[in-house]
Protein backbone atom coordinates (compact mmCIF):
# COMPACT_ATOMS: atom_id res chain seq x y z
CA MET A 1 -72.46 86.69 -24.94
CA ASP A 2 -72.02 83.68 -21.94
CA LYS A 3 -73.91 81.50 -24.38
CA CYS A 4 -71.70 82.12 -27.34
CA CYS A 5 -68.62 81.43 -25.10
CA LYS A 6 -70.10 78.23 -23.85
CA HIS A 7 -70.48 77.15 -27.52
CA ALA A 8 -67.42 77.66 -28.72
CA LEU A 9 -65.65 76.20 -25.50
CA LEU A 10 -67.57 73.02 -26.38
CA ARG A 11 -66.39 73.03 -30.07
CA CYS A 12 -62.75 73.41 -28.91
CA VAL A 13 -62.99 70.41 -26.57
CA THR A 14 -64.50 68.44 -29.30
CA CYS A 15 -62.15 69.25 -31.72
CA LEU A 16 -59.12 68.40 -29.17
CA PHE A 17 -60.87 65.15 -28.45
CA VAL A 18 -60.95 63.86 -32.04
CA LEU A 19 -57.33 65.20 -32.49
CA ALA A 20 -56.30 63.08 -29.78
CA GLN A 21 -58.20 59.78 -31.01
CA LEU A 22 -56.40 60.54 -34.55
CA LEU A 23 -53.02 61.12 -32.95
CA THR A 24 -53.48 57.84 -30.98
CA ARG A 25 -54.79 55.75 -33.85
CA VAL A 26 -51.47 57.04 -36.15
CA SER A 27 -49.30 56.14 -33.27
CA THR A 28 -50.36 52.75 -32.53
CA GLU A 29 -49.87 51.93 -36.00
CA GLN A 30 -46.05 52.94 -35.86
CA PHE A 31 -45.01 49.34 -35.13
CA ARG A 32 -45.81 46.00 -33.25
CA VAL A 33 -43.53 43.87 -31.09
CA LEU A 34 -43.37 40.27 -31.91
CA GLY A 35 -42.04 37.37 -30.18
CA PRO A 36 -41.94 33.31 -30.58
CA SER A 37 -45.32 31.65 -30.58
CA ASP A 38 -43.82 28.72 -29.01
CA PRO A 39 -42.12 28.40 -25.51
CA ILE A 40 -38.48 28.77 -25.61
CA VAL A 41 -36.38 25.56 -24.18
CA ALA A 42 -33.07 25.65 -22.37
CA ALA A 43 -31.33 23.11 -20.34
CA PRO A 44 -29.82 23.74 -16.61
CA GLY A 45 -26.41 25.48 -16.92
CA GLY A 46 -26.84 26.12 -20.80
CA GLU A 47 -27.99 29.50 -22.33
CA ALA A 48 -31.06 30.70 -23.50
CA ILE A 49 -32.04 33.42 -26.03
CA LEU A 50 -35.06 35.49 -25.77
CA PRO A 51 -35.94 37.11 -29.29
CA CYS A 52 -38.10 39.91 -30.15
CA SER A 53 -38.61 41.86 -33.56
CA LEU A 54 -40.64 44.67 -35.03
CA SER A 55 -43.19 44.92 -37.70
CA PRO A 56 -42.77 46.67 -39.67
CA ALA A 57 -38.97 46.26 -39.57
CA MET A 58 -37.06 49.18 -38.49
CA SER A 59 -33.80 49.94 -36.62
CA VAL A 60 -34.06 49.66 -32.72
CA GLU A 61 -30.73 50.97 -32.14
CA LYS A 62 -32.03 54.11 -30.73
CA MET A 63 -34.85 52.82 -28.78
CA GLU A 64 -35.63 51.82 -25.19
CA LEU A 65 -35.63 47.80 -24.77
CA ARG A 66 -36.32 46.25 -21.77
CA TRP A 67 -36.82 42.50 -20.72
CA PHE A 68 -38.61 41.99 -17.53
CA ARG A 69 -40.48 39.46 -15.62
CA SER A 70 -44.22 39.96 -14.26
CA ARG A 71 -43.45 43.44 -13.24
CA PHE A 72 -41.98 46.33 -15.22
CA SER A 73 -39.61 47.07 -12.17
CA GLU A 74 -38.21 43.22 -12.26
CA ALA A 75 -35.78 44.13 -15.26
CA VAL A 76 -33.59 41.14 -16.70
CA PHE A 77 -31.88 43.61 -19.16
CA VAL A 78 -32.26 47.26 -19.85
CA TYR A 79 -30.96 49.12 -22.88
CA ARG A 80 -31.36 52.85 -23.21
CA ASP A 81 -29.31 55.83 -24.81
CA GLN A 82 -27.47 53.21 -26.84
CA GLN A 83 -25.93 51.38 -23.74
CA GLU A 84 -26.76 48.68 -21.10
CA GLN A 85 -28.40 50.13 -17.82
CA LYS A 86 -27.04 47.75 -15.22
CA GLN A 87 -28.32 49.81 -12.12
CA GLU A 88 -31.95 48.60 -13.21
CA GLN A 89 -31.06 44.88 -13.43
CA MET A 90 -32.24 42.14 -11.01
CA ALA A 91 -29.45 40.96 -8.97
CA GLU A 92 -29.76 37.32 -9.68
CA TYR A 93 -29.55 38.18 -13.46
CA SER A 94 -26.11 39.98 -13.17
CA GLY A 95 -23.04 38.87 -15.21
CA ARG A 96 -25.44 36.43 -16.89
CA THR A 97 -26.99 38.51 -19.77
CA SER A 98 -26.01 40.28 -22.98
CA LEU A 99 -27.61 41.68 -25.75
CA VAL A 100 -27.69 40.13 -29.34
CA LYS A 101 -27.45 43.39 -31.57
CA ASP A 102 -26.26 42.20 -34.79
CA GLN A 103 -29.61 42.36 -36.24
CA PHE A 104 -30.75 45.78 -35.00
CA HIS A 105 -31.01 47.40 -38.43
CA GLN A 106 -33.56 44.70 -39.42
CA GLY A 107 -35.77 45.32 -36.09
CA LYS A 108 -34.50 42.08 -34.31
CA ALA A 109 -32.91 42.27 -30.75
CA ALA A 110 -32.84 39.00 -28.32
CA VAL A 111 -31.33 38.92 -24.57
CA ARG A 112 -29.05 35.77 -24.08
CA ILE A 113 -28.88 34.44 -20.38
CA GLY A 114 -26.07 32.17 -19.57
CA ASN A 115 -25.87 29.53 -17.08
CA VAL A 116 -29.64 28.87 -16.99
CA GLN A 117 -30.83 28.19 -13.56
CA VAL A 118 -34.23 26.48 -12.82
CA SER A 119 -35.69 29.58 -11.32
CA ASP A 120 -35.33 31.17 -14.58
CA ARG A 121 -38.24 29.23 -16.00
CA GLY A 122 -41.29 31.35 -16.50
CA MET A 123 -42.89 34.64 -18.49
CA TYR A 124 -41.04 37.42 -19.67
CA VAL A 125 -42.11 40.47 -21.35
CA CYS A 126 -39.86 42.36 -23.91
CA PHE A 127 -40.82 46.14 -24.08
CA PHE A 128 -39.90 48.53 -26.89
CA ARG A 129 -40.22 52.14 -26.74
CA GLN A 130 -39.74 55.04 -29.21
CA GLY A 131 -40.47 58.72 -27.90
CA LEU A 132 -44.07 58.17 -25.94
CA PHE A 133 -45.04 55.16 -28.04
CA TYR A 134 -44.07 51.61 -26.91
CA GLU A 135 -45.27 48.13 -27.41
CA GLU A 136 -44.44 45.00 -25.79
CA ALA A 137 -44.60 40.90 -26.40
CA ILE A 138 -44.80 37.96 -24.00
CA LEU A 139 -42.55 35.03 -24.24
CA GLU A 140 -42.36 31.79 -22.11
CA LEU A 141 -38.93 30.24 -21.24
CA LYS A 142 -39.00 26.50 -19.99
CA VAL A 143 -36.34 24.61 -18.18
CA ALA A 144 -35.84 21.26 -18.94
CA GLY A 145 -32.93 18.82 -18.60
CA MET A 146 -32.29 15.00 -19.59
CA GLY A 147 -30.62 13.22 -16.53
CA SER A 148 -28.81 10.10 -16.11
CA VAL A 149 -29.69 6.82 -17.75
CA PRO A 150 -31.86 4.80 -15.22
CA GLU A 151 -29.88 2.47 -13.06
CA VAL A 152 -31.83 -1.06 -12.34
CA HIS A 153 -30.79 -3.61 -9.91
CA ILE A 154 -32.53 -6.57 -8.01
CA LYS A 155 -33.08 -5.86 -4.60
CA GLY A 156 -34.20 -9.05 -3.26
CA THR A 157 -37.23 -11.36 -2.56
CA GLU A 158 -40.33 -9.45 -1.17
CA ASP A 159 -44.08 -10.20 -1.05
CA GLY A 160 -43.47 -13.80 -2.81
CA GLY A 161 -41.76 -12.07 -5.77
CA VAL A 162 -38.56 -10.31 -6.82
CA CYS A 163 -38.16 -6.78 -5.74
CA VAL A 164 -36.52 -4.60 -8.86
CA VAL A 165 -35.32 -0.87 -7.90
CA CYS A 166 -34.88 1.77 -10.47
CA SER A 167 -33.03 4.96 -9.89
CA ALA A 168 -31.91 8.05 -11.78
CA SER A 169 -30.85 11.57 -10.82
CA GLY A 170 -30.28 15.01 -12.54
CA TRP A 171 -33.63 15.36 -14.45
CA TYR A 172 -35.73 18.60 -14.57
CA PRO A 173 -38.82 18.68 -14.37
CA LYS A 174 -39.78 15.87 -12.35
CA PRO A 175 -39.72 12.78 -14.78
CA GLN A 176 -42.48 10.30 -15.42
CA VAL A 177 -41.27 6.96 -14.43
CA GLN A 178 -42.78 3.83 -16.09
CA TRP A 179 -42.13 0.12 -16.12
CA ARG A 180 -42.66 -2.15 -19.06
CA ASP A 181 -42.40 -5.94 -19.63
CA SER A 182 -40.69 -7.63 -22.49
CA ARG A 183 -44.00 -7.40 -24.52
CA GLY A 184 -44.03 -3.51 -24.07
CA GLU A 185 -47.05 -3.82 -21.74
CA ASN A 186 -46.99 -1.54 -18.70
CA LEU A 187 -46.49 -2.60 -15.04
CA PRO A 188 -47.56 -0.95 -11.92
CA ALA A 189 -45.09 0.40 -9.57
CA SER A 190 -44.68 -0.86 -6.02
CA SER A 191 -43.58 2.86 -4.63
CA GLU A 192 -41.91 5.60 -6.15
CA THR A 193 -40.14 8.57 -4.40
CA HIS A 194 -38.80 12.03 -6.08
CA THR A 195 -36.19 14.32 -4.13
CA GLU A 196 -35.02 17.40 -5.49
CA ASP A 197 -31.42 18.90 -4.79
CA ALA A 198 -29.79 22.36 -4.25
CA ALA A 199 -29.70 22.99 -7.73
CA GLY A 200 -33.46 22.16 -8.38
CA LEU A 201 -32.85 19.01 -10.32
CA PHE A 202 -34.78 15.79 -9.57
CA SER A 203 -33.74 12.29 -8.54
CA MET A 204 -36.12 9.52 -8.47
CA GLU A 205 -36.39 5.91 -6.99
CA SER A 206 -39.13 3.44 -8.28
CA THR A 207 -39.60 -0.05 -6.94
CA LEU A 208 -41.50 -2.95 -8.82
CA VAL A 209 -42.39 -6.33 -7.25
CA VAL A 210 -42.28 -9.20 -10.13
CA ARG A 211 -44.42 -12.07 -9.33
CA ASP A 212 -44.75 -13.58 -12.80
CA ARG A 213 -41.76 -15.99 -13.61
CA SER A 214 -42.47 -15.89 -17.33
CA LEU A 215 -41.80 -12.25 -17.93
CA GLY A 216 -38.18 -12.41 -18.24
CA SER A 217 -37.03 -9.13 -18.54
CA VAL A 218 -38.56 -5.83 -17.18
CA THR A 219 -37.77 -2.05 -18.48
CA CYS A 220 -37.60 0.86 -16.55
CA SER A 221 -38.18 4.17 -18.41
CA THR A 222 -38.01 7.79 -17.50
CA PHE A 223 -39.72 10.64 -19.75
CA ASN A 224 -39.08 14.15 -19.92
CA PRO A 225 -42.64 15.54 -20.46
CA ILE A 226 -41.03 18.94 -22.05
CA LEU A 227 -38.64 17.75 -24.29
CA GLY A 228 -40.66 14.37 -25.05
CA GLN A 229 -37.62 12.35 -24.65
CA GLU A 230 -36.82 9.26 -22.73
CA LYS A 231 -34.21 6.91 -21.30
CA ALA A 232 -34.71 3.34 -20.43
CA MET A 233 -32.72 0.60 -18.86
CA ALA A 234 -33.74 -3.14 -18.99
CA MET A 235 -32.88 -5.92 -16.43
CA PHE A 236 -33.33 -9.66 -16.96
CA ILE A 237 -34.85 -11.60 -14.00
CA PRO A 238 -33.40 -15.18 -13.84
CA GLU A 239 -36.05 -17.85 -12.54
CA PRO A 240 -33.65 -18.76 -9.66
CA PHE A 241 -34.26 -15.31 -8.15
CA PHE A 242 -37.87 -16.04 -7.56
CA PRO A 243 -39.00 -17.72 -4.02
CA GLN A 244 -39.63 -21.44 -4.24
CA ALA A 245 -41.63 -23.34 -1.85
CA SER A 246 -39.71 -26.34 -0.48
CA PRO A 247 -41.27 -29.81 -0.19
CA TRP A 248 -39.08 -30.32 2.96
CA MET A 249 -40.91 -27.85 4.97
CA PRO A 250 -43.90 -29.88 6.70
CA ALA A 251 -41.34 -32.15 7.59
CA PHE A 252 -38.91 -29.70 8.93
CA ALA A 253 -41.66 -28.50 11.00
CA VAL A 254 -42.69 -31.64 12.47
CA SER A 255 -39.10 -32.33 13.36
CA MET A 256 -38.53 -28.84 14.94
CA THR A 257 -41.87 -29.43 16.99
CA MET A 258 -40.40 -32.88 18.41
CA MET A 259 -37.25 -31.43 19.18
CA GLY A 260 -39.00 -28.68 21.12
CA LEU A 261 -40.69 -31.40 23.06
CA LEU A 262 -37.47 -33.09 23.50
CA VAL A 263 -35.78 -29.85 24.95
CA LEU A 264 -38.86 -29.04 27.13
CA GLY A 265 -38.62 -32.44 28.52
CA SER A 266 -34.77 -31.87 29.31
CA CYS A 267 -35.45 -28.58 30.96
CA CYS A 268 -37.76 -30.10 33.57
CA PHE A 269 -35.31 -32.71 34.05
CA LEU A 270 -32.50 -30.54 34.58
CA ILE A 271 -34.61 -28.46 37.19
CA TRP A 272 -34.50 -31.32 39.82
CA GLU A 273 -30.77 -31.84 38.90
CA GLN A 274 -28.74 -29.66 40.76
CA ARG A 275 -25.80 -30.56 39.47
CA ALA A 276 -26.81 -30.12 35.86
CA MET A 277 -27.56 -26.42 36.85
CA LEU A 278 -24.35 -25.77 38.04
CA GLN A 279 -23.01 -27.25 34.91
CA ALA A 280 -25.17 -24.96 32.95
CA TYR A 281 -24.19 -22.10 34.69
CA GLN A 282 -20.39 -22.91 33.94
CA VAL A 283 -21.12 -22.97 30.35
CA LEU A 284 -22.96 -19.66 30.41
CA GLU A 285 -19.79 -18.30 32.32
CA ASN A 286 -17.56 -19.70 29.85
CA LEU A 287 -19.63 -18.11 26.93
CA ARG A 288 -19.52 -14.77 28.66
CA ARG A 289 -15.91 -14.91 28.96
CA GLU A 290 -15.60 -15.73 25.29
CA GLN A 291 -17.56 -12.92 24.55
CA GLU A 292 -15.48 -10.56 26.33
CA GLU A 293 -12.26 -11.95 24.39
CA TRP A 294 -14.14 -11.42 21.11
CA GLN A 295 -15.12 -7.81 21.96
CA LYS A 296 -11.39 -7.05 22.80
CA THR A 297 -10.32 -8.61 19.47
CA LYS A 298 -12.91 -6.70 17.63
CA GLU A 299 -11.37 -3.56 19.11
CA HIS A 300 -8.00 -4.56 18.38
CA ALA A 301 -9.11 -5.23 14.75
CA LEU A 302 -10.68 -1.94 14.63
CA GLN A 303 -7.40 -0.10 15.87
CA THR A 304 -5.26 -1.82 13.51
CA VAL A 305 -7.79 -0.79 10.68
CA CYS A 306 -7.80 2.87 11.67
CA ARG A 307 -3.61 2.47 11.68
CA LEU A 308 -3.96 0.87 8.28
CA GLN A 309 -6.12 3.81 7.10
CA GLU A 310 -3.86 6.22 8.26
CA GLU A 311 -0.72 4.56 6.60
CA LEU A 312 -2.80 4.31 3.25
CA ASP A 313 -3.76 7.97 3.37
CA TRP A 314 0.20 8.90 4.38
CA ARG A 315 1.04 6.79 1.04
CA LYS A 316 -1.47 8.42 -0.91
CA ALA A 317 -0.26 12.18 0.08
CA ALA A 318 3.34 10.92 -0.22
CA TYR A 319 2.49 10.00 -3.88
CA MET A 320 0.80 12.98 -4.77
CA ALA A 321 3.86 15.03 -3.29
CA ALA A 322 6.32 13.17 -5.29
CA TRP A 323 4.87 12.99 -8.81
CA ARG A 324 7.69 15.17 -9.83
CA LYS A 325 10.30 12.50 -8.92
CA ALA A 326 8.17 9.46 -10.66
CA GLN A 327 10.44 9.74 -13.77
CA LEU A 328 9.80 5.93 -14.71
CA TYR A 329 6.32 6.56 -15.82
CA ALA A 330 5.49 9.01 -18.32
CA ASP A 331 1.68 8.60 -17.75
CA TRP A 332 1.88 9.63 -14.28
CA ARG A 333 3.61 12.78 -15.36
CA ARG A 334 1.48 13.26 -18.26
CA GLU A 335 -1.49 13.81 -15.82
CA HIS A 336 0.10 17.12 -14.63
CA PHE A 337 0.95 18.26 -18.03
CA GLN A 338 -1.10 20.25 -20.63
CA SER A 339 -0.92 18.64 -23.83
CA TRP A 340 0.34 20.92 -26.61
CA SER A 341 -0.44 20.69 -30.46
CA VAL A 342 3.02 21.98 -31.72
CA THR A 343 3.14 23.23 -35.36
CA LEU A 344 6.26 23.99 -37.14
CA ASP A 345 7.36 27.56 -38.34
CA PRO A 346 8.36 27.72 -41.96
CA ASP A 347 10.11 30.84 -41.64
CA THR A 348 12.62 29.47 -39.14
CA ALA A 349 13.14 26.38 -41.36
CA HIS A 350 16.49 25.79 -43.30
CA PRO A 351 16.06 25.99 -47.09
CA THR A 352 16.85 22.05 -47.67
CA LEU A 353 13.94 21.04 -45.22
CA ALA A 354 10.72 20.45 -46.38
CA ILE A 355 7.81 21.36 -44.27
CA SER A 356 4.36 19.83 -44.63
CA GLN A 357 1.07 21.72 -45.54
CA ASP A 358 -0.26 20.89 -42.10
CA ARG A 359 3.07 22.17 -40.54
CA ARG A 360 3.57 18.77 -38.74
CA ARG A 361 6.05 17.01 -40.76
CA VAL A 362 9.77 17.73 -41.48
CA THR A 363 11.85 15.71 -43.89
CA TRP A 364 14.80 16.46 -46.59
CA LYS A 365 13.45 18.19 -49.89
CA ASP A 366 16.09 16.01 -51.67
CA THR A 367 16.84 12.68 -49.97
CA THR A 368 19.58 11.77 -52.40
CA MET A 369 21.58 14.40 -51.08
CA HIS A 370 24.01 13.70 -48.22
CA LEU A 371 24.65 16.93 -46.61
CA ILE A 372 25.91 17.83 -42.86
CA GLY A 373 24.89 21.09 -41.51
CA PRO A 374 22.83 22.95 -39.34
CA PHE A 375 19.66 22.00 -40.88
CA SER A 376 16.96 23.01 -38.24
CA VAL A 377 13.46 24.40 -37.69
CA LEU A 378 11.40 25.78 -34.75
CA GLY A 379 7.77 25.38 -33.40
CA MET A 380 5.39 28.14 -34.25
CA GLU A 381 4.62 29.00 -30.63
CA GLY A 382 6.78 29.65 -27.55
CA ILE A 383 6.67 28.49 -24.16
CA SER A 384 7.10 31.24 -21.17
CA SER A 385 4.94 29.69 -18.27
CA GLY A 386 3.05 26.45 -17.02
CA ARG A 387 3.78 22.69 -17.84
CA ARG A 388 3.66 21.77 -21.44
CA TYR A 389 4.35 18.46 -23.28
CA TRP A 390 4.23 17.17 -26.96
CA GLU A 391 5.32 13.89 -28.83
CA VAL A 392 7.33 13.46 -31.82
CA GLU A 393 7.44 10.45 -34.11
CA ILE A 394 10.78 9.78 -35.75
CA GLY A 395 10.94 8.03 -38.93
CA ASN A 396 14.23 5.88 -39.49
CA GLY A 397 15.31 7.32 -36.52
CA ASP A 398 17.48 4.30 -35.40
CA SER A 399 19.40 4.44 -38.62
CA SER A 400 19.93 8.21 -38.87
CA GLU A 401 21.15 11.25 -37.15
CA TRP A 402 18.71 13.69 -35.55
CA THR A 403 18.28 16.08 -32.57
CA LEU A 404 14.98 17.42 -30.82
CA GLY A 405 14.19 19.36 -27.76
CA VAL A 406 13.81 23.37 -26.84
CA CYS A 407 15.59 26.33 -27.33
CA ARG A 408 15.89 30.01 -26.53
CA GLU A 409 14.48 32.40 -28.82
CA ASP A 410 17.63 34.28 -29.10
CA VAL A 411 20.08 31.43 -30.14
CA ASP A 412 22.30 31.47 -32.89
CA ARG A 413 21.30 28.97 -35.63
CA LYS A 414 23.23 30.13 -38.62
CA ASN A 415 26.43 28.93 -38.56
CA TRP A 416 27.89 25.60 -36.77
CA TYR A 417 26.91 25.94 -33.02
CA SER A 418 27.00 23.58 -30.12
CA GLU A 419 23.44 22.38 -28.78
CA CYS A 420 24.21 22.58 -25.07
CA PRO A 421 22.55 24.17 -22.38
CA GLY A 422 25.14 26.96 -22.20
CA LYS A 423 24.23 28.12 -26.00
CA GLY A 424 20.47 27.90 -24.99
CA PHE A 425 19.75 24.36 -26.05
CA TRP A 426 18.07 21.55 -24.10
CA THR A 427 18.30 18.39 -26.27
CA MET A 428 18.54 14.83 -27.07
CA GLY A 429 19.29 12.75 -30.10
CA ARG A 430 21.50 10.55 -32.21
CA SER A 431 24.74 10.82 -33.93
CA ASN A 432 27.59 8.35 -34.60
CA ASP A 433 25.33 5.40 -33.70
CA VAL A 434 24.99 6.52 -30.24
CA TYR A 435 21.89 8.17 -28.32
CA TRP A 436 23.34 11.24 -26.44
CA ALA A 437 22.08 13.86 -23.93
CA PHE A 438 23.39 17.22 -24.96
CA THR A 439 25.03 18.19 -21.29
CA GLU A 440 27.90 20.12 -20.43
CA PRO A 441 30.77 19.65 -20.28
CA GLY A 442 30.47 16.90 -22.80
CA LYS A 443 27.76 14.62 -23.74
CA THR A 444 25.71 12.06 -21.69
CA SER A 445 25.31 8.79 -23.50
CA LEU A 446 21.90 6.91 -23.47
CA SER A 447 20.70 3.35 -23.62
CA PHE A 448 17.52 1.59 -24.15
CA ARG A 449 15.84 -1.69 -24.42
CA GLN A 450 14.11 -0.49 -27.38
CA ALA A 451 14.93 2.21 -29.70
CA PRO A 452 12.63 5.32 -29.44
CA GLN A 453 10.38 5.98 -32.18
CA ARG A 454 7.92 8.19 -30.48
CA VAL A 455 9.74 10.82 -27.94
CA GLY A 456 7.68 12.88 -25.42
CA VAL A 457 9.08 16.24 -24.27
CA PHE A 458 7.98 17.53 -20.98
CA VAL A 459 8.84 21.22 -20.22
CA ASP A 460 7.88 22.57 -16.56
CA TYR A 461 9.00 26.15 -17.08
CA SER A 462 8.41 27.37 -13.33
CA GLU A 463 10.61 24.42 -11.98
CA GLY A 464 13.13 24.50 -14.51
CA ASP A 465 12.72 20.87 -15.64
CA ILE A 466 12.99 19.61 -19.24
CA SER A 467 12.53 15.73 -19.61
CA PHE A 468 12.35 13.62 -22.43
CA TYR A 469 10.36 9.95 -22.26
CA ASN A 470 10.26 7.14 -24.80
CA MET A 471 6.45 6.96 -25.49
CA SER A 472 6.88 3.58 -27.16
CA GLU A 473 7.21 2.00 -23.96
CA MET A 474 6.23 4.92 -21.62
CA SER A 475 9.85 4.99 -19.97
CA HIS A 476 12.00 7.76 -19.03
CA ILE A 477 14.98 8.87 -21.16
CA PHE A 478 16.89 12.03 -19.57
CA SER A 479 15.80 15.01 -17.73
CA PHE A 480 17.52 18.32 -17.27
CA ARG A 481 17.04 19.47 -13.78
CA GLU A 482 17.10 23.02 -12.41
CA ALA A 483 17.75 24.41 -16.14
CA SER A 484 18.81 28.10 -16.21
CA PHE A 485 16.63 29.84 -18.86
CA ALA A 486 14.69 33.18 -19.04
CA GLY A 487 12.34 34.23 -21.77
CA THR A 488 10.57 32.03 -24.30
CA LEU A 489 11.41 28.68 -25.19
CA PHE A 490 10.70 27.07 -28.71
CA PRO A 491 10.39 23.60 -29.72
CA TYR A 492 13.45 22.66 -31.58
CA PHE A 493 14.24 20.01 -34.43
CA ARG A 494 17.33 19.19 -36.41
CA LEU A 495 18.03 16.77 -39.10
CA LYS A 496 21.62 16.03 -39.44
CA SER A 497 21.87 13.06 -41.70
CA GLY A 498 20.19 9.78 -43.12
CA ASP A 499 16.60 9.30 -44.32
CA VAL A 500 14.90 10.78 -41.24
CA SER A 501 11.63 12.52 -40.88
CA MET A 502 9.85 14.03 -37.71
CA ILE A 503 6.13 14.05 -37.25
CA LEU A 504 4.24 16.28 -34.61
CA SER A 505 1.24 14.32 -32.98
CA SER A 506 -1.66 16.27 -32.65
CA LEU A 507 -2.63 15.57 -29.19
CA GLU A 508 -5.76 17.35 -29.03
CA HIS A 509 -7.47 15.61 -32.11
CA ASP A 510 -6.09 12.29 -32.37
CA SER A 511 -7.48 9.91 -35.22
CA GLU A 512 -9.09 6.35 -34.80
CA GLY A 513 -5.97 4.87 -36.34
CA GLU A 514 -2.75 4.08 -34.77
CA GLU A 515 -2.59 6.93 -32.25
CA GLY A 516 -6.27 5.95 -31.07
CA GLU A 517 -4.84 2.46 -30.55
CA GLU A 518 -1.86 3.87 -28.53
CA ARG A 519 -4.17 5.68 -26.42
CA LYS A 520 -6.35 2.83 -25.59
CA ARG A 521 -3.35 0.91 -24.73
CA ARG A 522 -1.94 3.86 -22.36
CA LYS A 523 -5.45 3.66 -20.82
CA GLY A 524 -5.27 0.11 -20.25
CA ARG A 525 -1.94 0.58 -18.75
CA ARG A 526 -3.12 3.12 -16.14
CA TRP A 527 -6.05 0.71 -15.47
CA LYS A 528 -3.62 -2.35 -14.49
CA ARG A 529 -1.34 -0.09 -12.62
CA LYS A 530 -4.38 1.44 -10.40
CA LYS A 531 -5.62 -2.24 -10.06
CA ARG A 532 -1.81 -3.12 -8.93
CA GLU A 533 -2.08 -0.43 -6.36
CA LYS A 534 -5.49 -1.67 -5.16
CA LYS A 535 -4.24 -5.02 -4.85
CA GLY A 536 -0.86 -3.81 -2.91
CA LYS A 537 -3.46 -1.98 -0.29
CA ARG A 538 -5.09 -5.10 0.64
CA LEU A 539 -1.77 -7.44 0.73
CA PHE A 540 0.19 -5.22 2.94
CA LEU A 541 -0.26 -4.29 6.73
CA PRO A 542 2.31 -1.72 6.98
CA PHE A 543 3.50 -0.61 10.47
CA LEU A 544 3.39 2.99 11.54
CA LYS A 545 6.99 4.74 11.59
CA GLU A 546 8.54 7.58 10.22
CA SER A 547 10.76 7.04 7.22
CA GLY A 548 14.21 8.43 7.09
CA ASN A 549 14.22 10.20 3.73
CA PRO A 550 11.44 12.26 2.40
CA PRO A 551 8.93 10.60 -0.17
CA GLY A 552 10.42 9.90 -3.81
CA GLU A 553 14.02 10.62 -2.53
CA GLY A 554 14.93 7.38 -4.31
CA PHE A 555 14.13 8.72 -7.85
CA THR A 556 17.16 10.44 -9.36
CA PRO A 557 17.27 12.28 -12.85
CA GLY A 558 19.41 10.00 -15.48
CA SER A 559 19.40 8.17 -18.68
CA GLY A 560 18.52 4.76 -17.58
CA VAL A 561 14.96 3.35 -18.32
CA ASP A 562 15.36 0.53 -16.11
CA SER A 563 16.43 2.34 -12.91
CA PRO A 564 14.39 1.04 -9.87
CA PRO A 565 12.84 3.71 -7.54
CA GLY A 566 14.67 4.29 -3.97
CA GLU A 567 14.19 2.42 -1.17
CA GLU A 568 12.09 5.04 0.66
CA SER A 569 9.89 5.39 -2.58
CA PRO A 570 6.42 6.10 -1.47
CA PHE A 571 5.28 3.39 -4.36
CA LEU A 572 6.63 0.50 -2.55
CA PRO A 573 5.90 -0.84 1.07
CA HIS A 574 8.42 -0.42 3.88
CA PRO A 575 10.77 -3.04 4.65
CA GLY A 576 9.00 -3.95 7.81
CA ASP A 577 5.68 -4.35 6.03
CA THR A 578 3.58 -7.46 7.11
CA LEU A 579 1.88 -9.63 4.57
CA LEU A 580 -1.69 -10.51 5.17
CA PRO A 581 -2.72 -14.00 5.45
């Protein structure tokens, strides 16, 4: 009986083992996880996508997905129960990862890592599990970044040749540096150093001593071994930079020897002459006194420099604090405003007006008709906060009648109306052959050296400031100060009479035509102004004193473009400033 039981138990164990092997074989054939065969390369600060897929393709929406580093617990991203499990994620990946789920039904999933850091490089494992069955694949992430173009300059003479220095920064991994001559042959570097900053990026400096005068030029190149890319810079070495042997050196050496003998003889003679010793002592005393006076002069100069620096810092702070009052220069003011690409709203346009397809141009539908009425149109979007500005090009504006500016959303534009602040309008324009700012009571006439063909509108919502500038000559036209408005303001355009058209500039996407040239001219004017400011710092030595008025008090809102800044303007020297020799 016992022997029969043992045989029956042995048969049961054998059947269970065979069944387990069959189940394991069936399970292992459910799916495989595939990853990219090549390493994934990402730049520092960019983003990296770690993709994995199933073979055969099946939906992964209800599976458990996990991307981790070397250990299962070092989770980069965990997806389980159809949602992200942030409590299992490592702290250094918090807020930088997201799951790409648009191809879940095709068996594909990926993790996006943002703001890639140098520490993110290395091996990753993507883990897919369904029930008790799971599979995984291994991925490799490499971080590589191209740094700056090498800077090459001549340091000076060294070891009978010319020392050339090459430096670059912002590379990862450590770049390979190579020197080449004009024929493309490699040159051995004299020294090479690499430094790593807090972000893990490398900077390098390499030196080369050139002794061959016939080379003419040398090239320094930095190569990224991961990306397989390089950046290079060439430097021409003029022949006068090389040290030359002077034929006068032997004669100079003989002369110096003779002079040494003469000085030695003179010293021996002076030893026997007490009077000569006293005279020498007096000379030394005079030199000591002169040195003390020179030291005092140097300290006084340092104090003067400190006072000058304090005055320059004060003027800089005054300039930054008074930019709102610097109305004479549109480019100064534009640096503090956000450019806005305005488009027209056809639903708000009068039936007699024609709006272009790109919604940036408004003209008459019939130019032969001579109508007078409230023919206006508003911008598509309104302003309820911040600082915005836009530019309007006016065609035939000096021979027509028109109005532009801003208005409240709830103004009445159906019948005859007054374009004044009391009615919710802040505008300027041309009518009856005169340029006006529509203030209240009445209107304020404007005068120009050059008729405005391009008008800039600057809206500072928080300060209640609405200003107009002649962008043709970058000059101030008029400002509505401390305007009282609430709600949303909309750009306002009105054609009154004449063959007039208005074109809204696309400030975000300027072409390389006339607008590109205008932008270059503005950049040139800013460069000249900064150059004049630097020149002014060198020419004037202002005395330290308190100004009677706050910085920028001399600027007042008005319509003239030729009005100079006030006497206490922070952009001009004080009356007591001293001119340097």
